[in-house]
Amino acid sequence: MIDVTRLNGKELTINCELIELVEETPDTVITLTTGKKIIVKESRQMIKNLVKSYKRECSSMDIIE
């Protein structure tokens, strides 16, 4: 799960496993596998970094267990 910010300033948490596409048009639009689109303040690169960080965190938890 990653935290992102809508254009109106409200924060939300999305399941990054459901992200299908991230584009900048110029706003960043996240398209989920469900077809839902979410416009956020974070850049495309920031979304990539958040997803990578989340996946690293999950991988390190697997090693500890």
PDB file of N, CA and C in Angstrom:
ATOM      1  N   MET A   1       0.847  -1.170   0.000  1.00  0.00           N
ATOM      2  CA  MET A   1       0.000   0.000   0.000  1.00  0.00           C
ATOM      3  C   MET A   1       0.900   1.243   0.000  1.00  0.00           C
ATOM      4  N   ILE A   2       0.505   2.244  -0.775  1.00  0.00           N
ATOM      5  CA  ILE A   2       1.253   3.501  -0.800  1.00  0.00           C
ATOM      6  C   ILE A   2       0.282   4.658  -0.547  1.00  0.00           C
ATOM      7  N   ASP A   3       0.798   5.709   0.076  1.00  0.00           N
ATOM      8  CA  ASP A   3       0.010   6.909   0.345  1.00  0.00           C
ATOM      9  C   ASP A   3       0.246   7.934  -0.751  1.00  0.00           C
ATOM     10  N   VAL A   4      -0.837   8.487  -1.289  1.00  0.00           N
ATOM     11  CA  VAL A   4      -0.770   9.518  -2.319  1.00  0.00           C
ATOM     12  C   VAL A   4      -1.729  10.645  -1.951  1.00  0.00           C
ATOM     13  N   THR A   5      -1.619  11.759  -2.661  1.00  0.00           N
ATOM     14  CA  THR A   5      -2.434  12.934  -2.362  1.00  0.00           C
ATOM     15  C   THR A   5      -3.235  13.342  -3.592  1.00  0.00           C
ATOM     16  N   ARG A   6      -4.552  13.422  -3.427  1.00  0.00           N
ATOM     17  CA  ARG A   6      -5.401  13.914  -4.516  1.00  0.00           C
ATOM     18  C   ARG A   6      -5.128  15.408  -4.737  1.00  0.00           C
ATOM     19  N   LEU A   7      -5.572  15.951  -5.851  1.00  0.00           N
ATOM     20  CA  LEU A   7      -5.349  17.358  -6.151  1.00  0.00           C
ATOM     21  C   LEU A   7      -6.014  18.281  -5.135  1.00  0.00           C
ATOM     22  N   ASN A   8      -7.086  17.809  -4.485  1.00  0.00           N
ATOM     23  CA  ASN A   8      -7.778  18.633  -3.486  1.00  0.00           C
ATOM     24  C   ASN A   8      -7.095  18.579  -2.117  1.00  0.00           C
ATOM     25  N   GLY A   9      -5.973  17.875  -2.023  1.00  0.00           N
ATOM     26  CA  GLY A   9      -5.206  17.806  -0.784  1.00  0.00           C
ATOM     27  C   GLY A   9      -5.535  16.619   0.104  1.00  0.00           C
ATOM     28  N   LYS A  10      -6.569  15.868  -0.223  1.00  0.00           N
ATOM     29  CA  LYS A  10      -6.930  14.703   0.593  1.00  0.00           C
ATOM     30  C   LYS A  10      -5.977  13.548   0.298  1.00  0.00           C
ATOM     31  N   GLU A  11      -5.525  12.912   1.379  1.00  0.00           N
ATOM     32  CA  GLU A  11      -4.617  11.785   1.229  1.00  0.00           C
ATOM     33  C   GLU A  11      -5.405  10.483   1.159  1.00  0.00           C
ATOM     34  N   LEU A  12      -4.868   9.535   0.417  1.00  0.00           N
ATOM     35  CA  LEU A  12      -5.478   8.220   0.361  1.00  0.00           C
ATOM     36  C   LEU A  12      -4.400   7.168   0.196  1.00  0.00           C
ATOM     37  N   THR A  13      -4.732   5.959   0.545  1.00  0.00           N
ATOM     38  CA  THR A  13      -3.811   4.836   0.436  1.00  0.00           C
ATOM     39  C   THR A  13      -4.344   3.908  -0.643  1.00  0.00           C
ATOM     40  N   ILE A  14      -3.463   3.554  -1.571  1.00  0.00           N
ATOM     41  CA  ILE A  14      -3.889   2.648  -2.635  1.00  0.00           C
ATOM     42  C   ILE A  14      -3.021   1.386  -2.628  1.00  0.00           C
ATOM     43  N   ASN A  15      -3.598   0.314  -3.089  1.00  0.00           N
ATOM     44  CA  ASN A  15      -2.888  -0.949  -3.212  1.00  0.00           C
ATOM     45  C   ASN A  15      -2.038  -0.878  -4.484  1.00  0.00           C
ATOM     46  N   CYS A  16      -0.729  -0.812  -4.309  1.00  0.00           N
ATOM     47  CA  CYS A  16       0.135  -0.640  -5.482  1.00  0.00           C
ATOM     48  C   CYS A  16       0.157  -1.878  -6.375  1.00  0.00           C
ATOM     49  N   GLU A  17      -0.335  -3.004  -5.869  1.00  0.00           N
ATOM     50  CA  GLU A  17      -0.429  -4.197  -6.715  1.00  0.00           C
ATOM     51  C   GLU A  17      -1.506  -4.031  -7.786  1.00  0.00           C
ATOM     52  N   LEU A  18      -2.401  -3.066  -7.606  1.00  0.00           N
ATOM     53  CA  LEU A  18      -3.478  -2.827  -8.572  1.00  0.00           C
ATOM     54  C   LEU A  18      -3.130  -1.757  -9.612  1.00  0.00           C
ATOM     55  N   ILE A  19      -1.931  -1.160  -9.508  1.00  0.00           N
ATOM     56  CA  ILE A  19      -1.552  -0.119 -10.464  1.00  0.00           C
ATOM     57  C   ILE A  19      -1.211  -0.760 -11.801  1.00  0.00           C
ATOM     58  N   GLU A  20      -1.888  -0.296 -12.828  1.00  0.00           N
ATOM     59  CA  GLU A  20      -1.626  -0.788 -14.181  1.00  0.00           C
ATOM     60  C   GLU A  20      -0.775   0.206 -14.957  1.00  0.00           C
ATOM     61  N   LEU A  21      -1.047   1.520 -14.752  1.00  0.00           N
ATOM     62  CA  LEU A  21      -0.406   2.547 -15.565  1.00  0.00           C
ATOM     63  C   LEU A  21      -0.307   3.839 -14.761  1.00  0.00           C
ATOM     64  N   VAL A  22       0.827   4.548 -14.915  1.00  0.00           N
ATOM     65  CA  VAL A  22       0.986   5.872 -14.317  1.00  0.00           C
ATOM     66  C   VAL A  22       1.453   6.793 -15.431  1.00  0.00           C
ATOM     67  N   GLU A  23       0.705   7.885 -15.656  1.00  0.00           N
ATOM     68  CA  GLU A  23       1.071   8.832 -16.712  1.00  0.00           C
ATOM     69  C   GLU A  23       0.997  10.255 -16.197  1.00  0.00           C
ATOM     70  N   GLU A  24       1.788  11.132 -16.804  1.00  0.00           N
ATOM     71  CA  GLU A  24       1.739  12.561 -16.499  1.00  0.00           C
ATOM     72  C   GLU A  24       1.155  13.268 -17.717  1.00  0.00           C
ATOM     73  N   THR A  25       0.039  13.989 -17.505  1.00  0.00           N
ATOM     74  CA  THR A  25      -0.687  14.539 -18.658  1.00  0.00           C
ATOM     75  C   THR A  25      -1.148  15.988 -18.499  1.00  0.00           C
ATOM     76  N   PRO A  26      -0.602  16.981 -17.912  1.00  0.00           N
ATOM     77  CA  PRO A  26       0.580  17.018 -17.050  1.00  0.00           C
ATOM     78  C   PRO A  26       0.309  16.526 -15.631  1.00  0.00           C
ATOM     79  N   ASP A  27      -0.964  16.445 -15.189  1.00  0.00           N
ATOM     80  CA  ASP A  27      -1.223  15.880 -13.864  1.00  0.00           C
ATOM     81  C   ASP A  27      -0.908  14.393 -13.904  1.00  0.00           C
ATOM     82  N   THR A  28      -0.554  13.842 -12.748  1.00  0.00           N
ATOM     83  CA  THR A  28      -0.248  12.420 -12.673  1.00  0.00           C
ATOM     84  C   THR A  28      -1.552  11.640 -12.521  1.00  0.00           C
ATOM     85  N   VAL A  29      -1.770  10.719 -13.444  1.00  0.00           N
ATOM     86  CA  VAL A  29      -2.975   9.885 -13.442  1.00  0.00           C
ATOM     87  C   VAL A  29      -2.555   8.440 -13.217  1.00  0.00           C
ATOM     88  N   ILE A  30      -3.101   7.848 -12.150  1.00  0.00           N
ATOM     89  CA  ILE A  30      -2.855   6.437 -11.858  1.00  0.00           C
ATOM     90  C   ILE A  30      -4.083   5.662 -12.330  1.00  0.00           C
ATOM     91  N   THR A  31      -3.862   4.691 -13.213  1.00  0.00           N
ATOM     92  CA  THR A  31      -4.939   3.826 -13.668  1.00  0.00           C
ATOM     93  C   THR A  31      -4.768   2.475 -12.998  1.00  0.00           C
ATOM     94  N   LEU A  32      -5.822   2.016 -12.343  1.00  0.00           N
ATOM     95  CA  LEU A  32      -5.793   0.729 -11.657  1.00  0.00           C
ATOM     96  C   LEU A  32      -6.294  -0.379 -12.578  1.00  0.00           C
ATOM     97  N   THR A  33      -6.009  -1.607 -12.228  1.00  0.00           N
ATOM     98  CA  THR A  33      -6.453  -2.742 -13.040  1.00  0.00           C
ATOM     99  C   THR A  33      -7.973  -2.831 -13.085  1.00  0.00           C
ATOM    100  N   THR A  34      -8.644  -2.175 -12.164  1.00  0.00           N
ATOM    101  CA  THR A  34     -10.113  -2.152 -12.139  1.00  0.00           C
ATOM    102  C   THR A  34     -10.688  -1.161 -13.147  1.00  0.00           C
ATOM    103  N   GLY A  35      -9.802  -0.330 -13.732  1.00  0.00           N
ATOM    104  CA  GLY A  35     -10.242   0.693 -14.663  1.00  0.00           C
ATOM    105  C   GLY A  35     -10.394   2.065 -14.012  1.00  0.00           C
ATOM    106  N   LYS A  36     -10.391   2.098 -12.684  1.00  0.00           N
ATOM    107  CA  LYS A  36     -10.528   3.368 -11.961  1.00  0.00           C
ATOM    108  C   LYS A  36      -9.274   4.217 -12.179  1.00  0.00           C
ATOM    109  N   LYS A  37      -9.484   5.517 -12.346  1.00  0.00           N
ATOM    110  CA  LYS A  37      -8.376   6.457 -12.527  1.00  0.00           C
ATOM    111  C   LYS A  37      -8.344   7.408 -11.341  1.00  0.00           C
ATOM    112  N   ILE A  38      -7.141   7.672 -10.833  1.00  0.00           N
ATOM    113  CA  ILE A  38      -6.955   8.574  -9.701  1.00  0.00           C
ATOM    114  C   ILE A  38      -5.930   9.620 -10.111  1.00  0.00           C
ATOM    115  N   ILE A  39      -6.287  10.901  -9.971  1.00  0.00           N
ATOM    116  CA  ILE A  39      -5.362  11.996 -10.275  1.00  0.00           C
ATOM    117  C   ILE A  39      -4.721  12.428  -8.964  1.00  0.00           C
ATOM    118  N   VAL A  40      -3.382  12.471  -8.945  1.00  0.00           N
ATOM    119  CA  VAL A  40      -2.653  12.765  -7.710  1.00  0.00           C
ATOM    120  C   VAL A  40      -1.616  13.863  -7.926  1.00  0.00           C
ATOM    121  N   LYS A  41      -1.155  14.434  -6.800  1.00  0.00           N
ATOM    122  CA  LYS A  41      -0.143  15.498  -6.846  1.00  0.00           C
ATOM    123  C   LYS A  41       1.262  14.960  -7.099  1.00  0.00           C
ATOM    124  N   GLU A  42       1.533  13.743  -6.644  1.00  0.00           N
ATOM    125  CA  GLU A  42       2.873  13.178  -6.766  1.00  0.00           C
ATOM    126  C   GLU A  42       3.236  12.957  -8.237  1.00  0.00           C
ATOM    127  N   SER A  43       4.516  13.070  -8.531  1.00  0.00           N
ATOM    128  CA  SER A  43       4.987  12.855  -9.899  1.00  0.00           C
ATOM    129  C   SER A  43       5.014  11.357 -10.219  1.00  0.00           C
ATOM    130  N   ARG A  44       5.139  11.062 -11.488  1.00  0.00           N
ATOM    131  CA  ARG A  44       5.248   9.666 -11.935  1.00  0.00           C
ATOM    132  C   ARG A  44       6.464   9.008 -11.280  1.00  0.00           C
ATOM    133  N   GLN A  45       7.575   9.734 -11.236  1.00  0.00           N
ATOM    134  CA  GLN A  45       8.795   9.191 -10.628  1.00  0.00           C
ATOM    135  C   GLN A  45       8.601   8.943  -9.138  1.00  0.00           C
ATOM    136  N   MET A  46       7.886   9.825  -8.456  1.00  0.00           N
ATOM    137  CA  MET A  46       7.629   9.642  -7.027  1.00  0.00           C
ATOM    138  C   MET A  46       6.789   8.386  -6.790  1.00  0.00           C
ATOM    139  N   ILE A  47       5.798   8.162  -7.650  1.00  0.00           N
ATOM    140  CA  ILE A  47       4.976   6.953  -7.531  1.00  0.00           C
ATOM    141  C   ILE A  47       5.852   5.711  -7.704  1.00  0.00           C
ATOM    142  N   LYS A  48       6.738   5.740  -8.693  1.00  0.00           N
ATOM    143  CA  LYS A  48       7.660   4.619  -8.901  1.00  0.00           C
ATOM    144  C   LYS A  48       8.501   4.376  -7.658  1.00  0.00           C
ATOM    145  N   ASN A  49       9.019   5.450  -7.060  1.00  0.00           N
ATOM    146  CA  ASN A  49       9.850   5.323  -5.865  1.00  0.00           C
ATOM    147  C   ASN A  49       9.057   4.770  -4.686  1.00  0.00           C
ATOM    148  N   LEU A  50       7.810   5.211  -4.530  1.00  0.00           N
ATOM    149  CA  LEU A  50       6.965   4.713  -3.447  1.00  0.00           C
ATOM    150  C   LEU A  50       6.692   3.213  -3.605  1.00  0.00           C
ATOM    151  N   VAL A  51       6.421   2.789  -4.834  1.00  0.00           N
ATOM    152  CA  VAL A  51       6.154   1.376  -5.094  1.00  0.00           C
ATOM    153  C   VAL A  51       7.410   0.545  -4.827  1.00  0.00           C
ATOM    154  N   LYS A  52       8.562   1.014  -5.295  1.00  0.00           N
ATOM    155  CA  LYS A  52       9.815   0.296  -5.060  1.00  0.00           C
ATOM    156  C   LYS A  52      10.101   0.171  -3.570  1.00  0.00           C
ATOM    157  N   SER A  53       9.901   1.244  -2.842  1.00  0.00           N
ATOM    158  CA  SER A  53      10.129   1.240  -1.403  1.00  0.00           C
ATOM    159  C   SER A  53       9.193   0.248  -0.708  1.00  0.00           C
ATOM    160  N   TYR A  54       7.935   0.251  -1.102  1.00  0.00           N
ATOM    161  CA  TYR A  54       6.959  -0.676  -0.531  1.00  0.00           C
ATOM    162  C   TYR A  54       7.374  -2.124  -0.796  1.00  0.00           C
ATOM    163  N   LYS A  55       7.772  -2.411  -2.016  1.00  0.00           N
ATOM    164  CA  LYS A  55       8.142  -3.784  -2.371  1.00  0.00           C
ATOM    165  C   LYS A  55       9.410  -4.218  -1.635  1.00  0.00           C
ATOM    166  N   ARG A  56      10.363  -3.282  -1.456  1.00  0.00           N
ATOM    167  CA  ARG A  56      11.564  -3.594  -0.687  1.00  0.00           C
ATOM    168  C   ARG A  56      11.195  -3.930   0.761  1.00  0.00           C
ATOM    169  N   GLU A  57      10.287  -3.119   1.310  1.00  0.00           N
ATOM    170  CA  GLU A  57       9.843  -3.337   2.691  1.00  0.00           C
ATOM    171  C   GLU A  57       9.188  -4.712   2.835  1.00  0.00           C
ATOM    172  N   CYS A  58       8.358  -5.076   1.879  1.00  0.00           N
ATOM    173  CA  CYS A  58       7.699  -6.388   1.921  1.00  0.00           C
ATOM    174  C   CYS A  58       8.722  -7.516   1.821  1.00  0.00           C
ATOM    175  N   SER A  59       9.726  -7.343   0.968  1.00  0.00           N
ATOM    176  CA  SER A  59      10.761  -8.366   0.792  1.00  0.00           C
ATOM    177  C   SER A  59      11.573  -8.548   2.068  1.00  0.00           C
ATOM    178  N   SER A  60      11.871  -7.442   2.743  1.00  0.00           N
ATOM    179  CA  SER A  60      12.664  -7.558   3.965  1.00  0.00           C
ATOM    180  C   SER A  60      11.860  -8.216   5.079  1.00  0.00           C
ATOM    181  N   MET A  61      10.535  -8.048   5.078  1.00  0.00           N
ATOM    182  CA  MET A  61       9.694  -8.713   6.072  1.00  0.00           C
ATOM    183  C   MET A  61       9.691 -10.216   5.859  1.00  0.00           C
ATOM    184  N   ASP A  62       9.728 -10.644   4.595  1.00  0.00           N
ATOM    185  CA  ASP A  62       9.754 -12.077   4.288  1.00  0.00           C
ATOM    186  C   ASP A  62      11.029 -12.724   4.829  1.00  0.00           C
ATOM    187  N   ILE A  63      12.136 -12.005   4.757  1.00  0.00           N
ATOM    188  CA  ILE A  63      13.419 -12.525   5.224  1.00  0.00           C
ATOM    189  C   ILE A  63      13.410 -12.671   6.744  1.00  0.00           C
ATOM    190  N   ILE A  64      12.819 -11.697   7.439  1.00  0.00           N
ATOM    191  CA  ILE A  64      12.790 -11.716   8.906  1.00  0.00           C
ATOM    192  C   ILE A  64      11.944 -12.867   9.413  1.00  0.00           C
ATOM    193  N   GLU A  65      10.832 -13.138   8.763  1.00  0.00           N
ATOM    194  CA  GLU A  65       9.933 -14.205   9.208  1.00  0.00           C
ATOM    195  C   GLU A  65      10.570 -15.510   8.891  1.00  0.00           C
TER     196      GLU A  65
END
